[in-house]
Amino acid sequence: MALVSRSDRRPSRVGRLARRFLRDRDGATAVEFAFVSIPFLLLVYGIIELGMVFLLSMSLENAVATAGRQVRTGQAQIQAMDKAGFAKAVCDQMSWLGGTCKDTIRLDVRVVPSFASTNALPPPPNTTCWRPGLPGAVVMVRAYYAWPVITPFMAEALNYHDGQREVTAATVFANEPFNAPTGYVDTPCAN
């Protein structure tokens, strides 16, 4: 015969509260719960979503800096990397996004006249540039990632377009001296 302790026979505190909630026929408790729970859950979802946007922003910054190093050291030019290869290098650094990265990211890699001129450049249109440059060239790498916003008040409060937040990361550097491959042509971008 098993001994049953006194605490096993008594209903738990949560169980007592649940039974009392179910027995209450006034409805005041349920109405109060509805008033409090909906804003609370929206706030919790908003905080989680904002945290995801910050995580994406930090991941994108790190990925652009890491992949941009291949351009800065001349590895991208020597290996004849194209825009798709560079996008893969950036997305490989953000593997937690799964397969959505390559479809959603826009990259703009272009040679600029000087470090000072990068402040005056507008964001690129839907067509972006792939120009990693020659040794010593000042290069700007920009990445744009459209993150879908789910929480309704976040999209309206933060003025997102089409229910998406465009997360941006950029880095500017001067290419290191490297031996440009034979036949490498530094073609300027159309835009």
N, C-alpha and C. Protein backbone atom coordinates (compact mmCIF):
# COMPACT_ATOMS: atom_id res chain seq x y z
N MET A 1 0.85 -1.17 0.00
CA MET A 1 0.00 0.00 0.00
C MET A 1 0.89 1.23 0.00
N ALA A 2 0.65 2.10 -0.91
CA ALA A 2 1.48 3.29 -1.03
C ALA A 2 0.96 4.37 -0.09
N LEU A 3 1.90 5.06 0.47
CA LEU A 3 1.53 6.17 1.34
C LEU A 3 1.24 7.40 0.50
N VAL A 4 0.17 8.06 0.80
CA VAL A 4 -0.20 9.28 0.09
C VAL A 4 0.00 10.44 1.05
N SER A 5 0.82 11.35 0.65
CA SER A 5 1.08 12.49 1.54
C SER A 5 -0.11 13.44 1.50
N ARG A 6 -0.15 14.28 2.50
CA ARG A 6 -1.24 15.24 2.62
C ARG A 6 -1.24 16.21 1.44
N SER A 7 -0.04 16.57 0.94
CA SER A 7 0.03 17.53 -0.16
C SER A 7 -0.49 16.94 -1.46
N ASP A 8 -0.44 15.60 -1.62
CA ASP A 8 -0.94 14.97 -2.84
C ASP A 8 -2.47 14.99 -2.90
N ARG A 9 -3.13 14.99 -1.72
CA ARG A 9 -4.58 14.96 -1.70
C ARG A 9 -5.19 16.33 -1.92
N ARG A 10 -4.47 17.38 -1.57
CA ARG A 10 -4.99 18.73 -1.72
C ARG A 10 -4.80 19.22 -3.15
N PRO A 11 -5.80 19.91 -3.69
CA PRO A 11 -5.61 20.46 -5.04
C PRO A 11 -4.56 21.57 -5.00
N SER A 12 -3.87 21.69 -6.08
CA SER A 12 -2.83 22.72 -6.14
C SER A 12 -3.47 24.11 -6.17
N ARG A 13 -2.66 25.10 -5.91
CA ARG A 13 -3.15 26.48 -5.90
C ARG A 13 -3.68 26.87 -7.29
N VAL A 14 -2.96 26.46 -8.33
CA VAL A 14 -3.40 26.77 -9.69
C VAL A 14 -4.73 26.08 -9.98
N GLY A 15 -4.87 24.85 -9.53
CA GLY A 15 -6.12 24.12 -9.73
C GLY A 15 -7.29 24.78 -9.03
N ARG A 16 -7.05 25.26 -7.79
CA ARG A 16 -8.11 25.95 -7.05
C ARG A 16 -8.51 27.23 -7.77
N LEU A 17 -7.52 27.98 -8.25
CA LEU A 17 -7.83 29.23 -8.96
C LEU A 17 -8.60 28.95 -10.25
N ALA A 18 -8.23 27.90 -10.95
CA ALA A 18 -8.92 27.56 -12.20
C ALA A 18 -10.37 27.16 -11.93
N ARG A 19 -10.59 26.37 -10.87
CA ARG A 19 -11.96 25.96 -10.54
C ARG A 19 -12.79 27.16 -10.10
N ARG A 20 -12.18 28.05 -9.33
CA ARG A 20 -12.91 29.24 -8.88
C ARG A 20 -13.26 30.13 -10.08
N PHE A 21 -12.34 30.22 -11.04
CA PHE A 21 -12.60 31.01 -12.25
C PHE A 21 -13.76 30.41 -13.04
N LEU A 22 -13.78 29.08 -13.15
CA LEU A 22 -14.84 28.41 -13.91
C LEU A 22 -16.20 28.46 -13.20
N ARG A 23 -16.20 28.49 -11.84
CA ARG A 23 -17.45 28.55 -11.08
C ARG A 23 -18.07 29.94 -11.08
N ASP A 24 -17.26 30.96 -11.27
CA ASP A 24 -17.75 32.33 -11.19
C ASP A 24 -18.72 32.60 -12.34
N ARG A 25 -19.94 32.98 -12.02
CA ARG A 25 -20.98 33.20 -13.01
C ARG A 25 -21.22 34.69 -13.30
N ASP A 26 -20.50 35.56 -12.63
CA ASP A 26 -20.69 36.99 -12.85
C ASP A 26 -20.17 37.42 -14.21
N GLY A 27 -19.09 36.87 -14.64
CA GLY A 27 -18.51 37.25 -15.92
C GLY A 27 -17.52 38.40 -15.80
N ALA A 28 -17.46 39.01 -14.64
CA ALA A 28 -16.55 40.15 -14.47
C ALA A 28 -15.10 39.71 -14.63
N THR A 29 -14.79 38.55 -14.11
CA THR A 29 -13.41 38.07 -14.21
C THR A 29 -13.02 37.83 -15.66
N ALA A 30 -13.91 37.24 -16.42
CA ALA A 30 -13.62 36.96 -17.83
C ALA A 30 -13.49 38.26 -18.63
N VAL A 31 -14.34 39.22 -18.33
CA VAL A 31 -14.27 40.50 -19.03
C VAL A 31 -12.97 41.22 -18.70
N GLU A 32 -12.60 41.23 -17.42
CA GLU A 32 -11.33 41.85 -17.02
C GLU A 32 -10.16 41.15 -17.69
N PHE A 33 -10.23 39.83 -17.73
CA PHE A 33 -9.15 39.08 -18.37
C PHE A 33 -9.05 39.44 -19.85
N ALA A 34 -10.18 39.58 -20.52
CA ALA A 34 -10.17 39.94 -21.95
C ALA A 34 -9.59 41.33 -22.15
N PHE A 35 -9.95 42.27 -21.27
CA PHE A 35 -9.42 43.63 -21.39
C PHE A 35 -7.91 43.66 -21.21
N VAL A 36 -7.41 42.86 -20.31
CA VAL A 36 -5.98 42.89 -20.00
C VAL A 36 -5.18 42.00 -20.94
N SER A 37 -5.71 40.85 -21.31
CA SER A 37 -4.92 39.87 -22.06
C SER A 37 -4.61 40.30 -23.49
N ILE A 38 -5.57 40.91 -24.18
CA ILE A 38 -5.34 41.27 -25.58
C ILE A 38 -4.22 42.30 -25.72
N PRO A 39 -4.27 43.42 -24.99
CA PRO A 39 -3.14 44.36 -25.10
C PRO A 39 -1.82 43.75 -24.63
N PHE A 40 -1.90 42.92 -23.58
CA PHE A 40 -0.68 42.30 -23.08
C PHE A 40 -0.05 41.39 -24.13
N LEU A 41 -0.86 40.56 -24.77
CA LEU A 41 -0.32 39.66 -25.79
C LEU A 41 0.20 40.43 -27.00
N LEU A 42 -0.49 41.50 -27.40
CA LEU A 42 0.02 42.33 -28.50
C LEU A 42 1.37 42.95 -28.13
N LEU A 43 1.50 43.39 -26.89
CA LEU A 43 2.77 43.95 -26.43
C LEU A 43 3.87 42.90 -26.45
N VAL A 44 3.56 41.71 -25.98
CA VAL A 44 4.56 40.63 -25.97
C VAL A 44 4.97 40.28 -27.40
N TYR A 45 4.01 40.13 -28.31
CA TYR A 45 4.33 39.83 -29.71
C TYR A 45 5.14 40.96 -30.34
N GLY A 46 4.80 42.20 -30.02
CA GLY A 46 5.55 43.35 -30.54
C GLY A 46 6.99 43.35 -30.06
N ILE A 47 7.20 43.02 -28.79
CA ILE A 47 8.56 42.97 -28.24
C ILE A 47 9.36 41.86 -28.91
N ILE A 48 8.74 40.71 -29.10
CA ILE A 48 9.43 39.60 -29.76
C ILE A 48 9.78 39.97 -31.20
N GLU A 49 8.83 40.60 -31.89
CA GLU A 49 9.08 40.98 -33.28
C GLU A 49 10.18 42.04 -33.39
N LEU A 50 10.16 43.00 -32.50
CA LEU A 50 11.21 44.02 -32.50
C LEU A 50 12.57 43.40 -32.20
N GLY A 51 12.59 42.42 -31.30
CA GLY A 51 13.83 41.69 -31.02
C GLY A 51 14.34 40.95 -32.25
N MET A 52 13.42 40.38 -33.03
CA MET A 52 13.82 39.69 -34.25
C MET A 52 14.40 40.67 -35.27
N VAL A 53 13.84 41.87 -35.36
CA VAL A 53 14.37 42.88 -36.28
C VAL A 53 15.77 43.29 -35.85
N PHE A 54 15.99 43.47 -34.54
CA PHE A 54 17.33 43.80 -34.05
C PHE A 54 18.32 42.67 -34.31
N LEU A 55 17.88 41.42 -34.13
CA LEU A 55 18.74 40.27 -34.41
C LEU A 55 19.10 40.23 -35.89
N LEU A 56 18.13 40.47 -36.75
CA LEU A 56 18.38 40.50 -38.19
C LEU A 56 19.36 41.62 -38.54
N SER A 57 19.17 42.79 -37.93
CA SER A 57 20.04 43.93 -38.20
C SER A 57 21.49 43.62 -37.83
N MET A 58 21.69 43.04 -36.67
CA MET A 58 23.06 42.70 -36.24
C MET A 58 23.65 41.59 -37.12
N SER A 59 22.84 40.61 -37.48
CA SER A 59 23.33 39.53 -38.35
C SER A 59 23.71 40.06 -39.72
N LEU A 60 22.90 40.98 -40.26
CA LEU A 60 23.17 41.55 -41.58
C LEU A 60 24.45 42.39 -41.55
N GLU A 61 24.63 43.19 -40.49
CA GLU A 61 25.86 43.98 -40.36
C GLU A 61 27.09 43.08 -40.35
N ASN A 62 27.02 42.01 -39.55
CA ASN A 62 28.14 41.08 -39.45
C ASN A 62 28.38 40.37 -40.78
N ALA A 63 27.32 39.95 -41.45
CA ALA A 63 27.46 39.24 -42.73
C ALA A 63 28.06 40.14 -43.80
N VAL A 64 27.64 41.41 -43.85
CA VAL A 64 28.17 42.34 -44.85
C VAL A 64 29.65 42.61 -44.58
N ALA A 65 30.02 42.77 -43.32
CA ALA A 65 31.42 43.01 -42.99
C ALA A 65 32.29 41.80 -43.33
N THR A 66 31.79 40.61 -43.02
CA THR A 66 32.56 39.39 -43.29
C THR A 66 32.69 39.13 -44.78
N ALA A 67 31.58 39.21 -45.51
CA ALA A 67 31.63 38.98 -46.96
C ALA A 67 32.36 40.11 -47.68
N GLY A 68 32.24 41.33 -47.16
CA GLY A 68 32.94 42.47 -47.75
C GLY A 68 34.45 42.32 -47.68
N ARG A 69 34.92 41.55 -46.72
CA ARG A 69 36.36 41.31 -46.61
C ARG A 69 36.89 40.59 -47.84
N GLN A 70 36.07 39.75 -48.46
CA GLN A 70 36.50 39.06 -49.69
C GLN A 70 36.73 40.06 -50.82
N VAL A 71 35.93 41.11 -50.86
CA VAL A 71 36.13 42.16 -51.87
C VAL A 71 37.37 42.98 -51.52
N ARG A 72 37.48 43.37 -50.25
CA ARG A 72 38.58 44.23 -49.81
C ARG A 72 39.95 43.58 -50.04
N THR A 73 40.05 42.29 -49.83
CA THR A 73 41.34 41.60 -49.99
C THR A 73 41.58 41.13 -51.42
N GLY A 74 40.60 41.28 -52.31
CA GLY A 74 40.77 40.89 -53.70
C GLY A 74 40.37 39.46 -54.00
N GLN A 75 39.91 38.72 -52.99
CA GLN A 75 39.52 37.33 -53.22
C GLN A 75 38.33 37.25 -54.19
N ALA A 76 37.39 38.17 -54.07
CA ALA A 76 36.22 38.15 -54.95
C ALA A 76 36.63 38.39 -56.40
N GLN A 77 37.57 39.32 -56.61
CA GLN A 77 38.00 39.63 -57.97
C GLN A 77 38.85 38.49 -58.54
N ILE A 78 39.74 37.93 -57.74
CA ILE A 78 40.62 36.85 -58.21
C ILE A 78 39.80 35.60 -58.55
N GLN A 79 38.78 35.31 -57.74
CA GLN A 79 37.94 34.12 -57.97
C GLN A 79 36.82 34.39 -58.96
N ALA A 80 36.79 35.59 -59.55
CA ALA A 80 35.75 36.00 -60.51
C ALA A 80 34.35 35.81 -59.92
N MET A 81 34.20 36.20 -58.66
CA MET A 81 32.91 36.10 -57.98
C MET A 81 31.91 37.06 -58.64
N ASP A 82 30.71 36.58 -58.84
CA ASP A 82 29.66 37.45 -59.38
C ASP A 82 28.71 37.86 -58.25
N LYS A 83 27.67 38.58 -58.62
CA LYS A 83 26.72 39.08 -57.63
C LYS A 83 26.04 37.94 -56.87
N ALA A 84 25.68 36.87 -57.57
CA ALA A 84 25.03 35.72 -56.92
C ALA A 84 25.98 35.04 -55.93
N GLY A 85 27.25 34.95 -56.29
CA GLY A 85 28.24 34.36 -55.39
C GLY A 85 28.43 35.20 -54.14
N PHE A 86 28.40 36.53 -54.31
CA PHE A 86 28.53 37.41 -53.15
C PHE A 86 27.28 37.33 -52.28
N ALA A 87 26.11 37.22 -52.90
CA ALA A 87 24.87 37.06 -52.13
C ALA A 87 24.91 35.76 -51.33
N LYS A 88 25.45 34.71 -51.92
CA LYS A 88 25.59 33.44 -51.20
C LYS A 88 26.53 33.60 -50.02
N ALA A 89 27.64 34.35 -50.20
CA ALA A 89 28.59 34.57 -49.11
C ALA A 89 27.93 35.34 -47.96
N VAL A 90 27.08 36.30 -48.29
CA VAL A 90 26.38 37.06 -47.24
C VAL A 90 25.35 36.16 -46.56
N CYS A 91 24.56 35.44 -47.34
CA CYS A 91 23.50 34.60 -46.78
C CYS A 91 24.05 33.42 -45.97
N ASP A 92 25.23 32.93 -46.33
CA ASP A 92 25.85 31.86 -45.55
C ASP A 92 26.15 32.31 -44.13
N GLN A 93 26.37 33.60 -43.95
CA GLN A 93 26.64 34.14 -42.61
C GLN A 93 25.35 34.30 -41.80
N MET A 94 24.21 34.23 -42.47
CA MET A 94 22.91 34.37 -41.80
C MET A 94 22.08 33.11 -41.99
N SER A 95 22.66 31.97 -41.69
CA SER A 95 22.01 30.69 -41.96
C SER A 95 20.74 30.49 -41.14
N TRP A 96 20.58 31.22 -40.05
CA TRP A 96 19.38 31.06 -39.23
C TRP A 96 18.11 31.50 -39.96
N LEU A 97 18.26 32.24 -41.06
CA LEU A 97 17.09 32.66 -41.84
C LEU A 97 16.57 31.56 -42.75
N GLY A 98 17.36 30.53 -42.94
CA GLY A 98 16.94 29.45 -43.83
C GLY A 98 17.08 29.85 -45.28
N GLY A 99 16.19 29.38 -46.12
CA GLY A 99 16.28 29.62 -47.55
C GLY A 99 15.71 30.95 -48.01
N THR A 100 15.18 31.76 -47.11
CA THR A 100 14.55 33.02 -47.53
C THR A 100 15.55 34.12 -47.84
N CYS A 101 16.78 33.99 -47.40
CA CYS A 101 17.75 35.07 -47.55
C CYS A 101 18.03 35.41 -49.01
N LYS A 102 18.33 34.42 -49.81
CA LYS A 102 18.72 34.67 -51.21
C LYS A 102 17.59 35.30 -52.02
N ASP A 103 16.35 35.02 -51.65
CA ASP A 103 15.21 35.58 -52.37
C ASP A 103 14.89 37.00 -51.93
N THR A 104 15.29 37.37 -50.74
CA THR A 104 14.86 38.62 -50.14
C THR A 104 15.93 39.70 -50.12
N ILE A 105 17.19 39.32 -50.16
CA ILE A 105 18.27 40.30 -50.00
C ILE A 105 18.58 41.01 -51.32
N ARG A 106 18.89 42.30 -51.22
CA ARG A 106 19.38 43.08 -52.36
C ARG A 106 20.75 43.60 -51.98
N LEU A 107 21.71 43.46 -52.88
CA LEU A 107 23.09 43.90 -52.61
C LEU A 107 23.50 44.96 -53.61
N ASP A 108 24.27 45.91 -53.12
CA ASP A 108 24.79 46.98 -53.96
C ASP A 108 26.26 47.15 -53.62
N VAL A 109 27.13 46.75 -54.53
CA VAL A 109 28.58 46.87 -54.35
C VAL A 109 29.09 47.77 -55.46
N ARG A 110 29.62 48.93 -55.07
CA ARG A 110 30.05 49.89 -56.09
C ARG A 110 31.28 50.64 -55.64
N VAL A 111 32.05 51.09 -56.63
CA VAL A 111 33.22 51.94 -56.39
C VAL A 111 32.71 53.37 -56.27
N VAL A 112 33.20 54.08 -55.25
CA VAL A 112 32.82 55.48 -55.03
C VAL A 112 34.07 56.35 -55.15
N PRO A 113 33.92 57.63 -55.48
CA PRO A 113 35.10 58.49 -55.67
C PRO A 113 35.95 58.66 -54.42
N SER A 114 35.30 58.78 -53.25
CA SER A 114 36.05 58.98 -52.01
C SER A 114 35.17 58.56 -50.83
N PHE A 115 35.79 58.50 -49.65
CA PHE A 115 35.03 58.15 -48.45
C PHE A 115 33.97 59.22 -48.16
N ALA A 116 34.29 60.48 -48.41
CA ALA A 116 33.36 61.57 -48.12
C ALA A 116 32.12 61.53 -49.00
N SER A 117 32.23 60.99 -50.20
CA SER A 117 31.09 61.00 -51.12
C SER A 117 30.04 59.95 -50.78
N THR A 118 30.31 59.07 -49.83
CA THR A 118 29.34 58.01 -49.52
C THR A 118 28.11 58.56 -48.80
N ASN A 119 28.23 59.69 -48.12
CA ASN A 119 27.08 60.26 -47.41
C ASN A 119 26.03 60.79 -48.37
N ALA A 120 26.42 61.22 -49.54
CA ALA A 120 25.50 61.84 -50.49
C ALA A 120 24.80 60.83 -51.41
N LEU A 121 25.18 59.57 -51.34
CA LEU A 121 24.59 58.58 -52.25
C LEU A 121 23.19 58.19 -51.79
N PRO A 122 22.22 58.28 -52.68
CA PRO A 122 20.87 57.82 -52.32
C PRO A 122 20.83 56.30 -52.32
N PRO A 123 19.82 55.73 -51.67
CA PRO A 123 19.70 54.27 -51.74
C PRO A 123 19.46 53.85 -53.19
N PRO A 124 19.96 52.70 -53.57
CA PRO A 124 19.81 52.27 -54.96
C PRO A 124 18.37 51.90 -55.26
N PRO A 125 17.98 52.01 -56.53
CA PRO A 125 16.64 51.53 -56.91
C PRO A 125 16.63 50.01 -56.89
N ASN A 126 15.61 49.42 -57.44
CA ASN A 126 15.52 47.95 -57.44
C ASN A 126 16.67 47.29 -58.17
N THR A 127 17.26 47.97 -59.15
CA THR A 127 18.43 47.42 -59.82
C THR A 127 19.66 47.88 -59.04
N THR A 128 20.49 46.94 -58.69
CA THR A 128 21.68 47.26 -57.90
C THR A 128 22.93 46.97 -58.71
N CYS A 129 24.06 47.31 -58.15
CA CYS A 129 25.33 47.27 -58.86
C CYS A 129 26.24 46.18 -58.30
N TRP A 130 27.08 45.62 -59.16
CA TRP A 130 28.14 44.71 -58.72
C TRP A 130 29.44 45.19 -59.36
N ARG A 131 30.22 45.94 -58.59
CA ARG A 131 31.50 46.45 -59.07
C ARG A 131 32.48 46.43 -57.89
N PRO A 132 33.22 45.32 -57.72
CA PRO A 132 34.11 45.20 -56.57
C PRO A 132 35.36 46.07 -56.66
N GLY A 133 35.72 46.54 -57.83
CA GLY A 133 36.82 47.49 -57.97
C GLY A 133 38.20 46.87 -58.07
N LEU A 134 39.15 47.75 -58.39
CA LEU A 134 40.56 47.40 -58.53
C LEU A 134 41.28 47.65 -57.21
N PRO A 135 42.56 47.25 -57.11
CA PRO A 135 43.32 47.53 -55.88
C PRO A 135 43.35 49.04 -55.60
N GLY A 136 43.14 49.39 -54.33
CA GLY A 136 43.18 50.79 -53.90
C GLY A 136 41.87 51.54 -54.09
N ALA A 137 40.90 50.97 -54.76
CA ALA A 137 39.62 51.65 -54.99
C ALA A 137 38.81 51.71 -53.70
N VAL A 138 38.06 52.79 -53.52
CA VAL A 138 37.15 52.92 -52.38
C VAL A 138 35.83 52.26 -52.78
N VAL A 139 35.41 51.28 -52.00
CA VAL A 139 34.24 50.47 -52.34
C VAL A 139 33.20 50.58 -51.22
N MET A 140 31.96 50.71 -51.62
CA MET A 140 30.86 50.71 -50.66
C MET A 140 29.99 49.49 -50.92
N VAL A 141 29.75 48.72 -49.86
CA VAL A 141 28.90 47.53 -49.93
C VAL A 141 27.65 47.82 -49.10
N ARG A 142 26.49 47.71 -49.73
CA ARG A 142 25.22 47.91 -49.02
C ARG A 142 24.34 46.69 -49.24
N ALA A 143 23.63 46.32 -48.19
CA ALA A 143 22.70 45.19 -48.26
C ALA A 143 21.35 45.64 -47.71
N TYR A 144 20.29 45.20 -48.37
CA TYR A 144 18.92 45.53 -47.98
C TYR A 144 18.14 44.23 -47.84
N TYR A 145 17.50 44.05 -46.70
CA TYR A 145 16.72 42.84 -46.45
C TYR A 145 15.31 43.24 -46.03
N ALA A 146 14.30 42.75 -46.73
CA ALA A 146 12.90 43.06 -46.41
C ALA A 146 12.38 42.03 -45.43
N TRP A 147 12.09 42.49 -44.20
CA TRP A 147 11.60 41.61 -43.14
C TRP A 147 10.09 41.82 -42.99
N PRO A 148 9.28 40.75 -43.10
CA PRO A 148 7.83 40.93 -42.96
C PRO A 148 7.44 41.24 -41.51
N VAL A 149 6.59 42.23 -41.35
CA VAL A 149 6.11 42.62 -40.02
C VAL A 149 4.74 41.99 -39.82
N ILE A 150 4.57 41.29 -38.71
CA ILE A 150 3.34 40.56 -38.45
C ILE A 150 2.41 41.34 -37.51
N THR A 151 2.98 41.97 -36.50
CA THR A 151 2.18 42.69 -35.51
C THR A 151 1.58 43.94 -36.16
N PRO A 152 0.25 44.09 -36.16
CA PRO A 152 -0.38 45.18 -36.91
C PRO A 152 0.03 46.57 -36.45
N PHE A 153 0.08 46.81 -35.15
CA PHE A 153 0.40 48.17 -34.70
C PHE A 153 1.85 48.53 -34.95
N MET A 154 2.73 47.54 -35.08
CA MET A 154 4.14 47.83 -35.38
C MET A 154 4.28 48.40 -36.79
N ALA A 155 3.56 47.83 -37.74
CA ALA A 155 3.65 48.29 -39.13
C ALA A 155 3.15 49.72 -39.26
N GLU A 156 2.08 50.05 -38.55
CA GLU A 156 1.54 51.40 -38.63
C GLU A 156 2.37 52.40 -37.83
N ALA A 157 2.79 52.02 -36.65
CA ALA A 157 3.53 52.95 -35.78
C ALA A 157 4.90 53.29 -36.34
N LEU A 158 5.54 52.33 -36.98
CA LEU A 158 6.90 52.56 -37.48
C LEU A 158 6.93 52.87 -38.97
N ASN A 159 5.76 53.07 -39.57
CA ASN A 159 5.65 53.52 -40.96
C ASN A 159 6.37 52.59 -41.94
N TYR A 160 6.10 51.32 -41.84
CA TYR A 160 6.68 50.36 -42.76
C TYR A 160 5.91 50.37 -44.07
N HIS A 161 6.57 50.01 -45.13
CA HIS A 161 5.94 49.97 -46.45
C HIS A 161 5.56 48.54 -46.79
N ASP A 162 4.35 48.35 -47.24
CA ASP A 162 3.86 47.04 -47.67
C ASP A 162 3.99 45.99 -46.57
N GLY A 163 3.92 46.39 -45.32
CA GLY A 163 4.01 45.45 -44.22
C GLY A 163 5.39 44.84 -44.05
N GLN A 164 6.42 45.50 -44.57
CA GLN A 164 7.78 44.98 -44.43
C GLN A 164 8.72 46.07 -43.93
N ARG A 165 9.66 45.66 -43.13
CA ARG A 165 10.70 46.55 -42.62
C ARG A 165 11.96 46.29 -43.42
N GLU A 166 12.49 47.31 -44.06
CA GLU A 166 13.72 47.14 -44.82
C GLU A 166 14.92 47.38 -43.90
N VAL A 167 15.63 46.31 -43.60
CA VAL A 167 16.80 46.38 -42.74
C VAL A 167 18.01 46.60 -43.64
N THR A 168 18.85 47.56 -43.29
CA THR A 168 19.97 47.97 -44.13
C THR A 168 21.28 47.82 -43.37
N ALA A 169 22.31 47.39 -44.07
CA ALA A 169 23.67 47.34 -43.52
C ALA A 169 24.62 47.84 -44.60
N ALA A 170 25.68 48.50 -44.18
CA ALA A 170 26.64 49.05 -45.15
C ALA A 170 28.04 49.04 -44.55
N THR A 171 29.01 48.96 -45.43
CA THR A 171 30.41 49.10 -45.05
C THR A 171 31.14 49.77 -46.21
N VAL A 172 32.12 50.59 -45.86
CA VAL A 172 32.93 51.29 -46.87
C VAL A 172 34.39 51.03 -46.53
N PHE A 173 35.18 50.73 -47.54
CA PHE A 173 36.60 50.43 -47.32
C PHE A 173 37.38 50.72 -48.59
N ALA A 174 38.69 50.79 -48.44
CA ALA A 174 39.59 50.88 -49.60
C ALA A 174 40.15 49.49 -49.84
N ASN A 175 40.07 49.03 -51.08
CA ASN A 175 40.62 47.72 -51.41
C ASN A 175 42.11 47.69 -51.10
N GLU A 176 42.54 46.55 -50.59
CA GLU A 176 43.96 46.36 -50.32
C GLU A 176 44.70 46.15 -51.64
N PRO A 177 46.02 46.35 -51.62
CA PRO A 177 46.79 46.05 -52.84
C PRO A 177 46.78 44.54 -53.09
N PHE A 178 46.31 44.14 -54.23
CA PHE A 178 46.32 42.73 -54.62
C PHE A 178 46.62 42.67 -56.11
N ASN A 179 47.04 41.52 -56.56
CA ASN A 179 47.34 41.34 -57.99
C ASN A 179 46.03 41.03 -58.71
N ALA A 180 45.55 42.02 -59.44
CA ALA A 180 44.30 41.82 -60.19
C ALA A 180 44.52 40.75 -61.25
N PRO A 181 43.55 39.87 -61.43
CA PRO A 181 43.71 38.81 -62.42
C PRO A 181 43.82 39.38 -63.83
N THR A 182 44.55 38.68 -64.66
CA THR A 182 44.72 39.10 -66.05
C THR A 182 43.37 39.14 -66.74
N GLY A 183 43.11 40.22 -67.42
CA GLY A 183 41.86 40.37 -68.14
C GLY A 183 40.71 40.89 -67.29
N TYR A 184 40.97 41.20 -66.02
CA TYR A 184 39.90 41.73 -65.16
C TYR A 184 39.57 43.15 -65.59
N VAL A 185 38.31 43.41 -65.85
CA VAL A 185 37.86 44.73 -66.29
C VAL A 185 36.94 45.30 -65.22
N ASP A 186 37.24 46.52 -64.79
CA ASP A 186 36.43 47.20 -63.78
C ASP A 186 35.35 48.01 -64.50
N THR A 187 34.20 47.39 -64.73
CA THR A 187 33.13 48.02 -65.50
C THR A 187 32.25 48.86 -64.58
N PRO A 188 32.09 50.16 -64.89
CA PRO A 188 31.22 51.01 -64.05
C PRO A 188 29.76 50.56 -64.13
N CYS A 189 29.02 50.86 -63.08
CA CYS A 189 27.60 50.53 -63.02
C CYS A 189 26.79 51.54 -63.82
N ALA A 190 25.66 51.10 -64.33
CA ALA A 190 24.80 51.98 -65.12
C ALA A 190 24.09 53.00 -64.25
N ASN A 191 23.77 52.64 -63.01
CA ASN A 191 23.04 53.58 -62.15
C ASN A 191 23.90 54.15 -61.06
